[in-house]
Amino acid sequence: MSDECFGIIVIQNGDSMVVQLSGDLDLAAAAAFRGSLSALSARRVILDFTDVTFMDSTAMGVLIAATKRAGHDGGEIVLHGVQPVQMKVLEIAGLTEYLRFDGDGTAVPQELMDAARQEREYPADQTNEG
């Protein structure tokens, strides 16, 4: 985790709401993140992760709850600009098949999956030599 502060900007874009996130998406940001998403649960919401520098399990929990709530209320959560490191976390947690990503409706863009897999390849050292 870095010293980045969390930022959130909500913008109307046609029929959708764009939620631009920046900085650390962690425990300290969870209440603001949760609040902004709960107010928009019946709408199509595009979460822009382009400027997110860190994401922890608390943020993933908020994201899962918001996705469930949006589905129940007739809305939709779509992730945009997810960075390879964040995609790796979502993939490891098994969330890439559950979440929606822009550009294709349901599947994770292949270039993000490839980048996430490359991030998991570690050079051999004393702790992981087989």
C-alpha atoms as a PDB file:
ATOM      1  CA  MET A   1       0.000   0.000   0.000  1.00  0.00           C
ATOM      2  CA  SER A   2       1.231   3.487  -0.805  1.00  0.00           C
ATOM      3  CA  ASP A   3       0.472   6.901   0.649  1.00  0.00           C
ATOM      4  CA  GLU A   4      -1.937   7.687  -2.198  1.00  0.00           C
ATOM      5  CA  CYS A   5      -5.204   9.243  -1.054  1.00  0.00           C
ATOM      6  CA  PHE A   6      -8.444   7.882  -2.413  1.00  0.00           C
ATOM      7  CA  GLY A   7     -10.436  10.015  -4.830  1.00  0.00           C
ATOM      8  CA  ILE A   8     -13.835   9.532  -6.394  1.00  0.00           C
ATOM      9  CA  ILE A   9     -15.647  11.568  -9.033  1.00  0.00           C
ATOM     10  CA  VAL A  10     -19.121  10.635 -10.328  1.00  0.00           C
ATOM     11  CA  ILE A  11     -20.062  11.855 -13.801  1.00  0.00           C
ATOM     12  CA  GLN A  12     -23.246  11.375 -15.840  1.00  0.00           C
ATOM     13  CA  ASN A  13     -22.457   9.943 -19.288  1.00  0.00           C
ATOM     14  CA  GLY A  14     -25.679   9.469 -21.251  1.00  0.00           C
ATOM     15  CA  ASP A  15     -27.688   6.744 -19.526  1.00  0.00           C
ATOM     16  CA  SER A  16     -24.677   5.593 -17.518  1.00  0.00           C
ATOM     17  CA  MET A  17     -22.843   6.945 -14.516  1.00  0.00           C
ATOM     18  CA  VAL A  18     -19.053   6.926 -14.646  1.00  0.00           C
ATOM     19  CA  VAL A  19     -17.314   6.594 -11.293  1.00  0.00           C
ATOM     20  CA  GLN A  20     -13.696   7.673 -11.677  1.00  0.00           C
ATOM     21  CA  LEU A  21     -11.589   6.154  -8.911  1.00  0.00           C
ATOM     22  CA  SER A  22      -8.055   7.197  -8.011  1.00  0.00           C
ATOM     23  CA  GLY A  23      -5.438   6.331  -5.420  1.00  0.00           C
ATOM     24  CA  ASP A  24      -5.690   3.507  -2.898  1.00  0.00           C
ATOM     25  CA  LEU A  25      -8.902   1.504  -2.851  1.00  0.00           C
ATOM     26  CA  ASP A  26      -8.530   0.062   0.639  1.00  0.00           C
ATOM     27  CA  LEU A  27     -10.138  -0.062   4.087  1.00  0.00           C
ATOM     28  CA  ALA A  28      -9.841   3.704   4.524  1.00  0.00           C
ATOM     29  CA  ALA A  29     -11.685   4.275   1.226  1.00  0.00           C
ATOM     30  CA  ALA A  30     -14.308   1.544   1.687  1.00  0.00           C
ATOM     31  CA  ALA A  31     -17.080   3.712   3.195  1.00  0.00           C
ATOM     32  CA  ALA A  32     -16.878   6.350   0.442  1.00  0.00           C
ATOM     33  CA  PHE A  33     -16.627   3.667  -2.249  1.00  0.00           C
ATOM     34  CA  ARG A  34     -19.597   1.745  -0.808  1.00  0.00           C
ATOM     35  CA  GLY A  35     -21.690   4.914  -0.428  1.00  0.00           C
ATOM     36  CA  SER A  36     -21.149   6.080  -3.983  1.00  0.00           C
ATOM     37  CA  LEU A  37     -22.108   2.688  -5.389  1.00  0.00           C
ATOM     38  CA  SER A  38     -25.161   2.108  -3.203  1.00  0.00           C
ATOM     39  CA  ALA A  39     -26.703   5.374  -4.388  1.00  0.00           C
ATOM     40  CA  LEU A  40     -26.354   4.188  -8.004  1.00  0.00           C
ATOM     41  CA  SER A  41     -27.450   0.536  -7.694  1.00  0.00           C
ATOM     42  CA  ALA A  42     -30.377   0.824 -10.127  1.00  0.00           C
ATOM     43  CA  ARG A  43     -28.232   2.393 -12.876  1.00  0.00           C
ATOM     44  CA  ARG A  44     -25.544   1.286 -15.284  1.00  0.00           C
ATOM     45  CA  VAL A  45     -22.314   2.230 -13.547  1.00  0.00           C
ATOM     46  CA  ILE A  46     -18.908   2.234 -15.204  1.00  0.00           C
ATOM     47  CA  LEU A  47     -16.127   2.026 -12.622  1.00  0.00           C
ATOM     48  CA  ASP A  48     -12.986   3.596 -14.073  1.00  0.00           C
ATOM     49  CA  PHE A  49      -9.967   1.943 -12.432  1.00  0.00           C
ATOM     50  CA  THR A  50      -7.414   3.741 -14.641  1.00  0.00           C
ATOM     51  CA  ASP A  51      -5.939   5.780 -11.749  1.00  0.00           C
ATOM     52  CA  VAL A  52      -6.291   3.198  -8.959  1.00  0.00           C
ATOM     53  CA  THR A  53      -2.877   2.519  -7.449  1.00  0.00           C
ATOM     54  CA  PHE A  54      -3.805  -0.188  -4.916  1.00  0.00           C
ATOM     55  CA  MET A  55      -6.770  -2.456  -4.233  1.00  0.00           C
ATOM     56  CA  ASP A  56      -7.244  -4.711  -1.214  1.00  0.00           C
ATOM     57  CA  SER A  57      -9.774  -7.365  -0.191  1.00  0.00           C
ATOM     58  CA  THR A  58     -12.012  -4.758   1.440  1.00  0.00           C
ATOM     59  CA  ALA A  59     -12.454  -3.059  -1.915  1.00  0.00           C
ATOM     60  CA  MET A  60     -13.181  -6.401  -3.554  1.00  0.00           C
ATOM     61  CA  GLY A  61     -15.884  -7.048  -0.950  1.00  0.00           C
ATOM     62  CA  VAL A  62     -17.481  -3.673  -1.681  1.00  0.00           C
ATOM     63  CA  LEU A  63     -17.295  -4.441  -5.403  1.00  0.00           C
ATOM     64  CA  ILE A  64     -18.945  -7.857  -5.002  1.00  0.00           C
ATOM     65  CA  ALA A  65     -21.735  -6.461  -2.798  1.00  0.00           C
ATOM     66  CA  ALA A  66     -22.357  -3.589  -5.231  1.00  0.00           C
ATOM     67  CA  THR A  67     -22.494  -5.989  -8.182  1.00  0.00           C
ATOM     68  CA  LYS A  68     -25.050  -8.186  -6.393  1.00  0.00           C
ATOM     69  CA  ARG A  69     -27.112  -5.167  -5.340  1.00  0.00           C
ATOM     70  CA  ALA A  70     -27.039  -3.699  -8.862  1.00  0.00           C
ATOM     71  CA  GLY A  71     -28.204  -7.002 -10.343  1.00  0.00           C
ATOM     72  CA  HIS A  72     -31.069  -7.147  -7.848  1.00  0.00           C
ATOM     73  CA  ASP A  73     -32.066  -3.502  -8.438  1.00  0.00           C
ATOM     74  CA  GLY A  74     -31.903  -3.681 -12.244  1.00  0.00           C
ATOM     75  CA  GLY A  75     -28.550  -1.927 -12.585  1.00  0.00           C
ATOM     76  CA  GLU A  76     -25.164  -3.060 -13.808  1.00  0.00           C
ATOM     77  CA  ILE A  77     -21.549  -2.568 -12.734  1.00  0.00           C
ATOM     78  CA  VAL A  78     -18.935  -2.521 -15.512  1.00  0.00           C
ATOM     79  CA  LEU A  79     -15.207  -2.215 -14.814  1.00  0.00           C
ATOM     80  CA  HIS A  80     -13.027  -0.083 -17.089  1.00  0.00           C
ATOM     81  CA  GLY A  81      -9.285   0.577 -17.124  1.00  0.00           C
ATOM     82  CA  VAL A  82      -8.375  -2.285 -14.797  1.00  0.00           C
ATOM     83  CA  GLN A  83      -4.586  -2.445 -14.560  1.00  0.00           C
ATOM     84  CA  PRO A  84      -2.714  -5.780 -14.882  1.00  0.00           C
ATOM     85  CA  VAL A  85      -1.826  -5.890 -11.169  1.00  0.00           C
ATOM     86  CA  GLN A  86      -5.474  -5.352 -10.202  1.00  0.00           C
ATOM     87  CA  MET A  87      -6.590  -7.909 -12.784  1.00  0.00           C
ATOM     88  CA  LYS A  88      -4.184 -10.397 -11.234  1.00  0.00           C
ATOM     89  CA  VAL A  89      -5.818  -9.894  -7.829  1.00  0.00           C
ATOM     90  CA  LEU A  90      -9.310 -10.301  -9.326  1.00  0.00           C
ATOM     91  CA  GLU A  91      -8.224 -13.411 -11.229  1.00  0.00           C
ATOM     92  CA  ILE A  92      -6.630 -15.032  -8.163  1.00  0.00           C
ATOM     93  CA  ALA A  93      -9.809 -14.329  -6.181  1.00  0.00           C
ATOM     94  CA  GLY A  94     -11.863 -15.999  -8.923  1.00  0.00           C
ATOM     95  CA  LEU A  95     -13.829 -12.830  -9.696  1.00  0.00           C
ATOM     96  CA  THR A  96     -13.015 -12.328 -13.371  1.00  0.00           C
ATOM     97  CA  GLU A  97     -15.860 -14.620 -14.450  1.00  0.00           C
ATOM     98  CA  TYR A  98     -18.300 -12.942 -12.057  1.00  0.00           C
ATOM     99  CA  LEU A  99     -17.544  -9.290 -12.888  1.00  0.00           C
ATOM    100  CA  ARG A 100     -18.236  -7.440 -16.138  1.00  0.00           C
ATOM    101  CA  PHE A 101     -15.533  -5.589 -18.021  1.00  0.00           C
ATOM    102  CA  ASP A 102     -16.073  -3.004 -20.751  1.00  0.00           C
ATOM    103  CA  GLY A 103     -15.635  -3.871 -24.365  1.00  0.00           C
ATOM    104  CA  ASP A 104     -17.110  -7.345 -24.427  1.00  0.00           C
ATOM    105  CA  GLY A 105     -20.060  -7.655 -22.061  1.00  0.00           C
ATOM    106  CA  THR A 106     -18.882 -10.545 -19.903  1.00  0.00           C
ATOM    107  CA  ALA A 107     -15.398 -11.827 -20.716  1.00  0.00           C
ATOM    108  CA  VAL A 108     -12.176 -10.253 -19.541  1.00  0.00           C
ATOM    109  CA  PRO A 109     -10.198  -8.727 -22.427  1.00  0.00           C
ATOM    110  CA  GLN A 110      -7.488 -11.222 -23.423  1.00  0.00           C
ATOM    111  CA  GLU A 111      -4.678  -8.657 -23.179  1.00  0.00           C
ATOM    112  CA  LEU A 112      -5.552  -8.069 -19.501  1.00  0.00           C
ATOM    113  CA  MET A 113      -5.590 -11.795 -18.770  1.00  0.00           C
ATOM    114  CA  ASP A 114      -2.231 -12.200 -20.528  1.00  0.00           C
ATOM    115  CA  ALA A 115      -0.761  -9.302 -18.566  1.00  0.00           C
ATOM    116  CA  ALA A 116      -2.123 -10.693 -15.292  1.00  0.00           C
ATOM    117  CA  ARG A 117      -0.587 -14.107 -16.024  1.00  0.00           C
ATOM    118  CA  GLN A 118       2.779 -12.534 -16.856  1.00  0.00           C
ATOM    119  CA  GLU A 119       2.732 -10.684 -13.540  1.00  0.00           C
ATOM    120  CA  ARG A 120       2.435 -14.055 -11.732  1.00  0.00           C
ATOM    121  CA  GLU A 121       5.573 -15.527 -13.279  1.00  0.00           C
ATOM    122  CA  TYR A 122       8.311 -15.228 -10.699  1.00  0.00           C
ATOM    123  CA  PRO A 123      11.990 -15.923 -11.260  1.00  0.00           C
ATOM    124  CA  ALA A 124      13.384 -18.901  -9.352  1.00  0.00           C
ATOM    125  CA  ASP A 125      15.098 -18.077  -6.088  1.00  0.00           C
ATOM    126  CA  GLN A 126      15.828 -19.853  -2.820  1.00  0.00           C
ATOM    127  CA  THR A 127      12.187 -19.700  -1.698  1.00  0.00           C
ATOM    128  CA  ASN A 128      10.503 -21.125  -4.777  1.00  0.00           C
ATOM    129  CA  GLU A 129      13.039 -23.352  -6.531  1.00  0.00           C
ATOM    130  CA  GLY A 130      11.486 -26.702  -7.298  1.00  0.00           C
END
